[in-house]
Amino acid sequence: MAFEKKATLQGSTESFKVNPNAKKYTLRDNGFEETTKGNFQFTRTMDADPTNKQSVKLKIVVTDDLAQLKISTTTGNGLRTVNIYNGAAYAAIREKVDFTLHDLIECGVLEKV
């Protein structure tokens, strides 16, 4: 998955972009960690039981210039993308992902397109 100016979760109709007012410290303050390449990565388990190794993770990666991003939901090991908008099995996970994304919007990290 390549970096884009606006990103969408697989199966979702909502698109997001990096808030133009966001700074590097804004990302750090909201749980993003700087990678060795200088990008910022946000990874959160979306399962109610954090010890579950099979849980779905939300991953958001923002480029070091804060211009582009990629968003995905993956398996617990991060190797496969999961479409959480397919079926009722992921209803609780969808709710947690939506809450997390809208929280990042309120904190000035992301912006809905």
C-alpha atoms as a PDB file:
ATOM      1  CA  MET A   1       0.000   0.000   0.000  1.00  0.00           C
ATOM      2  CA  ALA A   2       1.451   3.328  -1.072  1.00  0.00           C
ATOM      3  CA  PHE A   3       1.171   6.670   0.665  1.00  0.00           C
ATOM      4  CA  GLU A   4      -1.639   8.920  -0.599  1.00  0.00           C
ATOM      5  CA  LYS A   5      -2.941  12.424   0.115  1.00  0.00           C
ATOM      6  CA  LYS A   6      -6.258  10.868   1.201  1.00  0.00           C
ATOM      7  CA  ALA A   7      -6.734   7.348   2.501  1.00  0.00           C
ATOM      8  CA  THR A   8      -9.715   5.070   3.003  1.00  0.00           C
ATOM      9  CA  LEU A   9     -10.078   1.864   4.978  1.00  0.00           C
ATOM     10  CA  GLN A  10     -10.900  -1.138   2.826  1.00  0.00           C
ATOM     11  CA  GLY A  11     -14.690  -1.358   2.505  1.00  0.00           C
ATOM     12  CA  SER A  12     -15.343   2.091   4.015  1.00  0.00           C
ATOM     13  CA  THR A  13     -16.912   5.100   2.330  1.00  0.00           C
ATOM     14  CA  GLU A  14     -15.114   7.673   4.503  1.00  0.00           C
ATOM     15  CA  SER A  15     -11.789   9.172   3.413  1.00  0.00           C
ATOM     16  CA  PHE A  16      -9.260  10.911   5.627  1.00  0.00           C
ATOM     17  CA  LYS A  17      -6.252  13.143   5.136  1.00  0.00           C
ATOM     18  CA  VAL A  18      -3.677  14.653   7.465  1.00  0.00           C
ATOM     19  CA  ASN A  19      -4.922  17.880   9.028  1.00  0.00           C
ATOM     20  CA  PRO A  20      -2.920  20.735   7.454  1.00  0.00           C
ATOM     21  CA  ASN A  21      -2.498  22.300  10.913  1.00  0.00           C
ATOM     22  CA  ALA A  22      -1.002  19.124  12.405  1.00  0.00           C
ATOM     23  CA  LYS A  23       2.575  19.291  13.625  1.00  0.00           C
ATOM     24  CA  LYS A  24       4.983  16.492  14.497  1.00  0.00           C
ATOM     25  CA  TYR A  25       4.389  17.035  18.204  1.00  0.00           C
ATOM     26  CA  THR A  26       0.626  16.750  17.580  1.00  0.00           C
ATOM     27  CA  LEU A  27       1.168  13.253  16.251  1.00  0.00           C
ATOM     28  CA  ARG A  28       3.487  12.299  19.115  1.00  0.00           C
ATOM     29  CA  ASP A  29       1.005  13.637  21.675  1.00  0.00           C
ATOM     30  CA  ASN A  30      -1.702  11.419  20.174  1.00  0.00           C
ATOM     31  CA  GLY A  31       0.144   8.111  20.264  1.00  0.00           C
ATOM     32  CA  PHE A  32       2.120   8.141  17.018  1.00  0.00           C
ATOM     33  CA  GLU A  33       5.665   6.821  17.214  1.00  0.00           C
ATOM     34  CA  GLU A  34       8.467   7.956  14.939  1.00  0.00           C
ATOM     35  CA  THR A  35       9.901   5.158  12.779  1.00  0.00           C
ATOM     36  CA  THR A  36      13.539   4.808  11.748  1.00  0.00           C
ATOM     37  CA  LYS A  37      12.681   6.389   8.362  1.00  0.00           C
ATOM     38  CA  GLY A  38      11.184   9.432  10.076  1.00  0.00           C
ATOM     39  CA  ASN A  39       7.546   8.530   9.384  1.00  0.00           C
ATOM     40  CA  PHE A  40       4.961   8.444  12.158  1.00  0.00           C
ATOM     41  CA  GLN A  41       3.095   5.221  12.923  1.00  0.00           C
ATOM     42  CA  PHE A  42      -0.031   4.664  15.030  1.00  0.00           C
ATOM     43  CA  THR A  43      -0.912   1.039  15.849  1.00  0.00           C
ATOM     44  CA  ARG A  44      -3.752   0.014  18.143  1.00  0.00           C
ATOM     45  CA  THR A  45      -5.405  -3.320  18.868  1.00  0.00           C
ATOM     46  CA  MET A  46      -9.152  -3.053  18.321  1.00  0.00           C
ATOM     47  CA  ASP A  47     -10.107  -6.123  20.351  1.00  0.00           C
ATOM     48  CA  ALA A  48     -11.658  -5.942  23.813  1.00  0.00           C
ATOM     49  CA  ASP A  49      -9.048  -8.447  25.029  1.00  0.00           C
ATOM     50  CA  PRO A  50      -5.595  -6.957  24.344  1.00  0.00           C
ATOM     51  CA  THR A  51      -3.881 -10.316  24.958  1.00  0.00           C
ATOM     52  CA  ASN A  52      -5.692 -11.884  21.996  1.00  0.00           C
ATOM     53  CA  LYS A  53      -3.054 -12.538  19.317  1.00  0.00           C
ATOM     54  CA  GLN A  54      -5.723 -12.958  16.601  1.00  0.00           C
ATOM     55  CA  SER A  55      -7.143  -9.473  17.074  1.00  0.00           C
ATOM     56  CA  VAL A  56      -7.520  -6.787  14.421  1.00  0.00           C
ATOM     57  CA  LYS A  57      -5.152  -3.818  14.512  1.00  0.00           C
ATOM     58  CA  LEU A  58      -5.674  -0.300  13.198  1.00  0.00           C
ATOM     59  CA  LYS A  59      -2.517   1.037  11.541  1.00  0.00           C
ATOM     60  CA  ILE A  60      -2.036   4.626  10.424  1.00  0.00           C
ATOM     61  CA  VAL A  61       1.273   5.766   8.950  1.00  0.00           C
ATOM     62  CA  VAL A  62       1.984   9.429   8.153  1.00  0.00           C
ATOM     63  CA  THR A  63       4.991  10.530   6.080  1.00  0.00           C
ATOM     64  CA  ASP A  64       7.697  12.613   7.717  1.00  0.00           C
ATOM     65  CA  ASP A  65       6.577  15.758   5.856  1.00  0.00           C
ATOM     66  CA  LEU A  66       2.988  15.222   7.156  1.00  0.00           C
ATOM     67  CA  ALA A  67       1.597  15.386   3.616  1.00  0.00           C
ATOM     68  CA  GLN A  68       0.538  11.801   2.953  1.00  0.00           C
ATOM     69  CA  LEU A  69      -0.763   8.822   4.880  1.00  0.00           C
ATOM     70  CA  LYS A  70      -2.004   5.268   4.699  1.00  0.00           C
ATOM     71  CA  ILE A  71      -4.667   3.653   6.871  1.00  0.00           C
ATOM     72  CA  SER A  72      -5.399  -0.052   7.211  1.00  0.00           C
ATOM     73  CA  THR A  73      -6.889  -2.669   9.481  1.00  0.00           C
ATOM     74  CA  THR A  74      -4.712  -5.773   9.658  1.00  0.00           C
ATOM     75  CA  THR A  75      -4.537  -9.131  11.349  1.00  0.00           C
ATOM     76  CA  GLY A  76      -2.792  -9.311  14.698  1.00  0.00           C
ATOM     77  CA  ASN A  77       0.575 -10.052  13.112  1.00  0.00           C
ATOM     78  CA  GLY A  78       0.104  -7.224  10.570  1.00  0.00           C
ATOM     79  CA  LEU A  79       0.562  -9.398   7.490  1.00  0.00           C
ATOM     80  CA  ARG A  80      -2.945  -9.345   5.997  1.00  0.00           C
ATOM     81  CA  THR A  81      -5.474  -6.569   5.514  1.00  0.00           C
ATOM     82  CA  VAL A  82      -8.896  -7.178   7.076  1.00  0.00           C
ATOM     83  CA  ASN A  83     -12.133  -5.701   5.702  1.00  0.00           C
ATOM     84  CA  ILE A  84     -14.003  -4.860   8.906  1.00  0.00           C
ATOM     85  CA  TYR A  85     -16.962  -3.487   6.933  1.00  0.00           C
ATOM     86  CA  ASN A  86     -17.844  -6.925   5.584  1.00  0.00           C
ATOM     87  CA  GLY A  87     -20.432  -8.706   7.711  1.00  0.00           C
ATOM     88  CA  ALA A  88     -21.680  -8.442  11.271  1.00  0.00           C
ATOM     89  CA  ALA A  89     -18.744 -10.310  12.819  1.00  0.00           C
ATOM     90  CA  TYR A  90     -16.694  -7.108  13.037  1.00  0.00           C
ATOM     91  CA  ALA A  91     -19.424  -4.793  14.395  1.00  0.00           C
ATOM     92  CA  ALA A  92     -17.650  -4.111  17.712  1.00  0.00           C
ATOM     93  CA  ILE A  93     -14.317  -3.582  15.950  1.00  0.00           C
ATOM     94  CA  ARG A  94     -15.941  -1.170  13.458  1.00  0.00           C
ATOM     95  CA  GLU A  95     -17.281   0.853  16.367  1.00  0.00           C
ATOM     96  CA  LYS A  96     -13.845   1.064  18.017  1.00  0.00           C
ATOM     97  CA  VAL A  97     -12.143   2.006  14.723  1.00  0.00           C
ATOM     98  CA  ASP A  98     -14.710   4.728  14.029  1.00  0.00           C
ATOM     99  CA  PHE A  99     -14.306   6.061  17.568  1.00  0.00           C
ATOM    100  CA  THR A 100     -10.506   6.127  17.258  1.00  0.00           C
ATOM    101  CA  LEU A 101     -10.562   7.854  13.859  1.00  0.00           C
ATOM    102  CA  HIS A 102     -13.049  10.490  15.010  1.00  0.00           C
ATOM    103  CA  ASP A 103     -10.978  11.057  18.154  1.00  0.00           C
ATOM    104  CA  LEU A 104      -7.950  11.740  15.941  1.00  0.00           C
ATOM    105  CA  ILE A 105     -10.092  14.213  13.981  1.00  0.00           C
ATOM    106  CA  GLU A 106     -11.065  16.053  17.176  1.00  0.00           C
ATOM    107  CA  CYS A 107      -7.419  16.166  18.265  1.00  0.00           C
ATOM    108  CA  GLY A 108      -6.378  17.811  14.994  1.00  0.00           C
ATOM    109  CA  VAL A 109      -4.398  14.917  13.533  1.00  0.00           C
ATOM    110  CA  LEU A 110      -6.770  13.849  10.769  1.00  0.00           C
ATOM    111  CA  GLU A 111      -9.409  15.554   8.685  1.00  0.00           C
ATOM    112  CA  LYS A 112     -12.383  13.937   6.956  1.00  0.00           C
ATOM    113  CA  VAL A 113     -12.422  14.487   3.184  1.00  0.00           C
END
